[in-house]
Protein backbone atom coordinates (compact mmCIF):
# COMPACT_ATOMS: atom_id res chain seq x y z
CA MET A 1 -35.21 43.47 52.55
CA TYR A 2 -37.81 41.56 50.48
CA PRO A 3 -37.17 39.03 48.17
CA LYS A 4 -37.86 40.41 44.61
CA LYS A 5 -40.07 38.85 42.28
CA ALA A 6 -38.09 40.55 39.23
CA PHE A 7 -35.16 38.08 40.41
CA GLY A 8 -37.29 35.19 40.72
CA GLN A 9 -36.26 35.12 44.21
CA ASN A 10 -37.08 32.26 46.88
CA PHE A 11 -34.62 32.20 49.95
CA LEU A 12 -33.64 28.88 51.03
CA VAL A 13 -34.49 28.65 54.69
CA SER A 14 -33.89 25.26 55.80
CA GLU A 15 -30.81 24.36 57.02
CA GLU A 16 -31.75 20.66 56.78
CA VAL A 17 -31.73 21.30 53.21
CA ALA A 18 -28.86 23.45 52.74
CA ARG A 19 -26.54 21.12 54.45
CA ALA A 20 -27.64 18.35 51.69
CA ILE A 21 -26.88 20.32 48.78
CA ALA A 22 -23.41 21.37 50.82
CA LEU A 23 -22.39 17.69 51.49
CA ALA A 24 -23.14 16.72 47.77
CA CYS A 25 -21.43 19.83 46.33
CA VAL A 26 -18.31 18.95 48.37
CA PRO A 27 -18.46 14.93 49.75
CA ASP A 28 -16.14 14.36 52.70
CA ILE A 29 -13.51 13.33 50.59
CA GLU A 30 -12.98 16.35 49.09
CA VAL A 31 -13.22 18.44 52.17
CA GLY A 32 -10.49 21.15 52.15
CA ARG A 33 -9.85 20.78 48.47
CA SER A 34 -12.97 22.04 46.13
CA ARG A 35 -13.03 24.94 44.64
CA VAL A 36 -17.01 26.01 44.08
CA VAL A 37 -18.71 28.26 42.33
CA GLU A 38 -22.18 29.26 43.79
CA ILE A 39 -24.67 30.96 41.64
CA GLY A 40 -27.18 32.87 43.45
CA ALA A 41 -25.79 33.28 47.21
CA GLY A 42 -29.06 35.41 47.97
CA THR A 43 -28.72 35.76 52.08
CA GLY A 44 -25.61 33.50 52.09
CA ALA A 45 -27.82 30.62 53.47
CA LEU A 46 -25.56 27.94 51.86
CA THR A 47 -22.74 29.93 51.13
CA GLY A 48 -21.32 29.37 54.51
CA LEU A 49 -21.72 25.53 54.71
CA LEU A 50 -20.10 25.58 51.56
CA ALA A 51 -17.15 27.83 53.08
CA ALA A 52 -16.87 25.60 56.00
CA ARG A 53 -16.16 22.23 53.47
CA ALA A 54 -14.69 23.93 50.26
CA GLN A 55 -11.02 25.33 49.77
CA ALA A 56 -12.78 28.31 47.87
CA VAL A 57 -16.13 29.77 47.97
CA HIS A 58 -16.42 32.58 45.10
CA ALA A 59 -20.37 33.63 45.87
CA ILE A 60 -22.11 35.31 42.64
CA GLU A 61 -25.15 37.64 43.67
CA ARG A 62 -26.35 40.73 41.11
CA ASP A 63 -28.82 41.64 43.88
CA ARG A 64 -26.75 45.14 44.87
CA GLU A 65 -29.05 45.30 47.89
CA LEU A 66 -27.87 41.83 48.98
CA ILE A 67 -24.06 42.61 48.34
CA PRO A 68 -22.93 44.53 51.28
CA ILE A 69 -25.06 42.21 53.28
CA LEU A 70 -23.07 39.62 52.21
CA ALA A 71 -19.69 41.12 52.19
CA SER A 72 -20.40 42.17 55.73
CA GLU A 73 -21.07 38.62 56.81
CA PHE A 74 -18.66 36.97 54.99
CA ALA A 75 -15.38 39.88 55.72
CA LEU A 76 -13.87 37.48 58.18
CA VAL A 77 -14.03 34.49 56.16
CA PRO A 78 -10.92 34.43 53.91
CA ASN A 79 -11.89 31.47 51.45
CA VAL A 80 -15.03 33.36 50.58
CA ALA A 81 -15.72 35.86 47.42
CA ILE A 82 -18.51 37.74 47.09
CA VAL A 83 -19.36 38.51 43.40
CA GLU A 84 -21.27 41.35 42.34
CA ALA A 85 -22.29 39.96 39.05
CA ASP A 86 -25.01 38.20 36.35
CA ALA A 87 -24.75 34.49 36.52
CA LYS A 88 -26.00 33.94 32.80
CA THR A 89 -22.82 36.42 31.92
CA VAL A 90 -20.16 36.06 34.42
CA ASP A 91 -16.85 34.31 33.88
CA VAL A 92 -17.37 31.03 35.51
CA ARG A 93 -14.32 29.23 33.86
CA GLY A 94 -12.56 31.94 35.16
CA LEU A 95 -13.55 31.72 38.48
CA LEU A 96 -13.17 28.11 39.10
CA GLY A 97 -9.56 28.36 38.25
CA THR A 98 -7.00 26.28 36.31
CA LYS A 99 -8.50 22.44 36.78
CA SER A 100 -6.09 19.76 38.41
CA GLU A 101 -6.54 16.77 40.35
CA THR A 102 -5.93 18.16 43.81
CA SER A 103 -8.82 20.92 43.38
CA PRO A 104 -12.18 19.64 42.74
CA ARG A 105 -14.04 22.16 40.91
CA VAL A 106 -18.22 22.78 41.25
CA LEU A 107 -20.84 24.66 40.22
CA CYS A 108 -24.08 24.50 42.13
CA GLY A 109 -26.97 27.45 42.87
CA ASN A 110 -30.40 27.52 44.12
CA LEU A 111 -31.43 28.22 40.48
CA PRO A 112 -34.25 31.01 39.68
CA TYR A 113 -36.93 29.04 37.81
CA SER A 114 -37.29 31.56 34.92
CA LEU A 115 -33.27 31.37 34.46
CA THR A 116 -33.21 27.37 34.68
CA GLY A 117 -32.68 26.66 30.84
CA PRO A 118 -29.99 29.31 30.33
CA LEU A 119 -28.27 28.40 33.61
CA LEU A 120 -28.02 24.11 32.69
CA ARG A 121 -27.00 25.53 29.00
CA LEU A 122 -24.05 27.27 31.19
CA ALA A 123 -23.30 24.08 32.98
CA THR A 124 -22.94 22.15 29.66
CA GLU A 125 -20.86 24.23 28.22
CA CYS A 126 -18.80 24.10 31.45
CA ALA A 127 -19.03 20.60 31.63
CA ARG A 128 -15.30 19.69 30.50
CA ASP A 129 -13.97 22.11 33.47
CA LEU A 130 -16.14 20.93 36.67
CA GLU A 131 -16.14 17.92 38.86
CA ARG A 132 -19.78 18.03 39.57
CA VAL A 133 -22.97 20.55 39.14
CA VAL A 134 -25.32 20.61 42.11
CA PHE A 135 -28.53 22.63 41.28
CA MET A 136 -32.24 23.39 42.65
CA VAL A 137 -34.78 23.07 40.42
CA GLN A 138 -38.00 22.60 39.53
CA ASP A 139 -39.33 18.98 40.23
CA GLU A 140 -40.71 19.27 36.71
CA VAL A 141 -37.21 20.04 35.41
CA ALA A 142 -35.86 17.10 37.28
CA GLU A 143 -38.07 14.92 35.97
CA ARG A 144 -37.12 15.93 32.73
CA LEU A 145 -33.29 15.94 33.09
CA GLY A 146 -34.07 11.83 34.49
CA ALA A 147 -36.25 10.51 32.12
CA THR A 148 -36.11 7.84 29.58
CA PRO A 149 -36.63 7.76 25.97
CA GLY A 150 -40.55 7.22 25.21
CA THR A 151 -41.60 9.06 28.14
CA LYS A 152 -43.89 12.41 28.30
CA SER A 153 -40.95 14.02 29.90
CA TYR A 154 -38.28 13.18 27.95
CA GLY A 155 -37.53 16.23 25.34
CA ALA A 156 -34.20 18.32 24.14
CA LEU A 157 -33.46 19.56 27.56
CA THR A 158 -32.70 15.88 28.58
CA VAL A 159 -30.52 15.13 25.42
CA PHE A 160 -28.42 18.28 25.80
CA VAL A 161 -28.07 18.08 29.47
CA ARG A 162 -27.51 14.05 29.44
CA ALA A 163 -24.85 14.48 26.58
CA ALA A 164 -22.57 15.91 28.84
CA TYR A 165 -23.63 14.47 32.22
CA SER A 166 -25.21 11.60 34.22
CA VAL A 167 -28.03 13.24 36.53
CA ARG A 168 -28.87 11.95 40.13
CA ARG A 169 -31.70 13.44 42.15
CA VAL A 170 -30.58 13.82 45.40
CA ARG A 171 -34.00 15.06 46.91
CA ARG A 172 -36.85 16.48 46.64
CA VAL A 173 -37.75 20.15 48.59
CA GLY A 174 -41.23 21.28 49.46
CA PRO A 175 -42.28 24.91 49.08
CA GLY A 176 -41.57 25.24 53.08
CA SER A 177 -37.99 25.28 52.56
CA PHE A 178 -38.45 28.87 51.06
CA TYR A 179 -39.18 32.62 51.30
CA PRO A 180 -41.62 32.87 50.06
CA PRO A 181 -42.90 29.58 49.48
CA PRO A 182 -43.02 28.72 45.92
CA GLU A 183 -46.04 27.61 44.68
CA VAL A 184 -44.25 24.07 42.79
CA THR A 185 -41.94 21.55 44.76
CA SER A 186 -38.36 21.44 44.10
CA ALA A 187 -35.80 19.33 43.70
CA VAL A 188 -31.86 19.01 44.07
CA VAL A 189 -29.92 17.40 41.48
CA GLU A 190 -26.28 16.61 40.76
CA LEU A 191 -24.99 16.48 37.67
CA VAL A 192 -21.55 14.99 36.94
CA PRO A 193 -19.68 14.73 33.88
CA HIS A 194 -19.23 11.88 31.84
CA ASP A 195 -15.46 10.55 31.61
CA LYS A 196 -15.28 10.33 28.01
CA PHE A 197 -17.64 12.93 25.51
CA GLY A 198 -19.25 10.70 22.97
CA ALA A 199 -21.71 12.75 22.11
CA GLU A 200 -20.40 16.15 21.17
CA GLU A 201 -22.74 19.04 20.92
CA THR A 202 -21.90 20.27 17.40
CA PRO A 203 -23.92 22.28 15.11
CA ILE A 204 -25.30 19.05 13.14
CA PHE A 205 -25.96 17.67 16.69
CA ARG A 206 -27.93 20.81 18.06
CA ALA A 207 -30.15 20.85 14.47
CA LEU A 208 -31.22 17.08 15.04
CA VAL A 209 -32.32 17.67 18.43
CA HIS A 210 -34.02 20.44 17.92
CA GLY A 211 -35.63 19.39 14.59
CA ALA A 212 -36.70 15.97 16.35
CA PHE A 213 -38.28 18.00 19.30
CA THR A 214 -39.72 20.64 17.66
CA ALA A 215 -42.34 18.60 16.08
CA ARG A 216 -42.85 15.41 18.14
CA ARG A 217 -45.45 13.99 15.88
CA LYS A 218 -43.48 13.95 12.81
CA THR A 219 -41.44 11.02 12.07
CA LEU A 220 -37.51 11.39 11.76
CA ARG A 221 -37.64 11.44 7.91
CA ASN A 222 -39.97 14.63 8.11
CA ALA A 223 -38.17 16.40 11.27
CA TRP A 224 -34.73 16.19 9.58
CA ALA A 225 -35.87 16.87 6.24
CA GLY A 226 -33.26 20.11 6.42
CA ALA A 227 -30.26 18.39 7.54
CA ALA A 228 -29.19 16.55 4.28
CA ARG A 229 -27.34 18.48 1.96
CA GLU A 230 -28.07 16.33 -1.30
CA PRO A 231 -30.47 13.43 -2.13
CA GLY A 232 -30.18 10.40 -0.30
CA GLU A 233 -27.97 11.90 2.28
CA LEU A 234 -29.87 11.31 5.23
CA ASP A 235 -30.52 7.74 3.96
CA ARG A 236 -27.15 6.84 3.78
CA ALA A 237 -26.25 8.61 7.22
CA ALA A 238 -29.31 6.75 8.91
CA THR A 239 -28.39 3.10 7.85
CA SER A 240 -24.69 4.34 8.82
CA ALA A 241 -25.97 5.12 12.19
CA GLY A 242 -28.76 2.80 12.85
CA ILE A 243 -31.70 4.85 12.49
CA ASP A 244 -35.17 4.24 11.71
CA LEU A 245 -36.13 7.32 9.94
CA GLY A 246 -39.61 6.00 10.69
CA ALA A 247 -39.63 6.68 14.06
CA ARG A 248 -40.07 9.73 16.40
CA GLY A 249 -37.55 11.70 18.06
CA GLU A 250 -38.72 11.04 21.25
CA THR A 251 -37.52 7.47 21.13
CA LEU A 252 -34.05 7.94 20.19
CA SER A 253 -31.35 8.12 23.10
CA VAL A 254 -28.42 10.28 23.49
CA ASP A 255 -26.23 7.82 21.60
CA ASP A 256 -28.63 7.80 18.65
CA PHE A 257 -28.74 11.53 18.10
CA ALA A 258 -24.85 11.56 18.62
CA ARG A 259 -24.56 8.57 15.67
CA MET A 260 -26.94 10.19 13.81
CA ALA A 261 -24.36 13.55 14.15
CA ALA A 262 -21.67 11.79 13.56
CA ALA A 263 -22.63 9.97 10.15
CA LEU A 264 -24.07 13.48 8.64
CA GLY A 265 -21.00 15.12 9.81
CA ASP A 266 -18.46 12.68 8.33
CA ARG A 267 -20.51 12.92 5.06
CA ALA A 268 -20.36 16.34 5.51
CA GLU A 269 -16.53 16.85 5.68
CA SER A 270 -15.66 13.87 2.76
């Protein structure tokens, strides 16, 4: 068996890091109760540790050569189900089951770097169905997720993820923790859904965020020129939301985007 470049495989080989991820996924207070969906089980380095802590683990793997290895390794582990599927298209909600107070639900994985964006998108879509997400990502991505307005790392990815989650970097992970070693430093991040979803990712919210960061040097008045349906609507909405149209998008917080989207949405519906 060799890692496949086409799948972006860098297998986690550090037991210390795997244990840290398992603990972040299933804290001691939730041992024996959590339902975990693992994206990219690989060789099962994390799967077994999750199984020791969780009530149930659904381990997704799309590499057909790894499936029989995983199936054999966990054949006698009753709370592990190996799922041959593509994480981008699999029914994650179905694997998680019905949400209840007694079964915290967790999404986790050592993400292939090329699929980080789509899988973070998947996480935001499932935010209402989860207690937490624990992902291994590039450290640069972790910086972006935790960035503040006005900084270089702050961008559309920050806003979309933080609209649904609070973000905590659990730890940095060096290249030597993987086989083969990647050329970059990685990081484990924990995403916890907000209790109240004040920033709904509506079409107008997405349009405002994309517009603000597609042309970062433009003022909001120019970046959002296409968002108004009639003359003066953009100014009225900005006044209502307390937004300065002479500012640039990178200075706005998630709440700022949410207020502007609500203002435009309210006017569009009236």
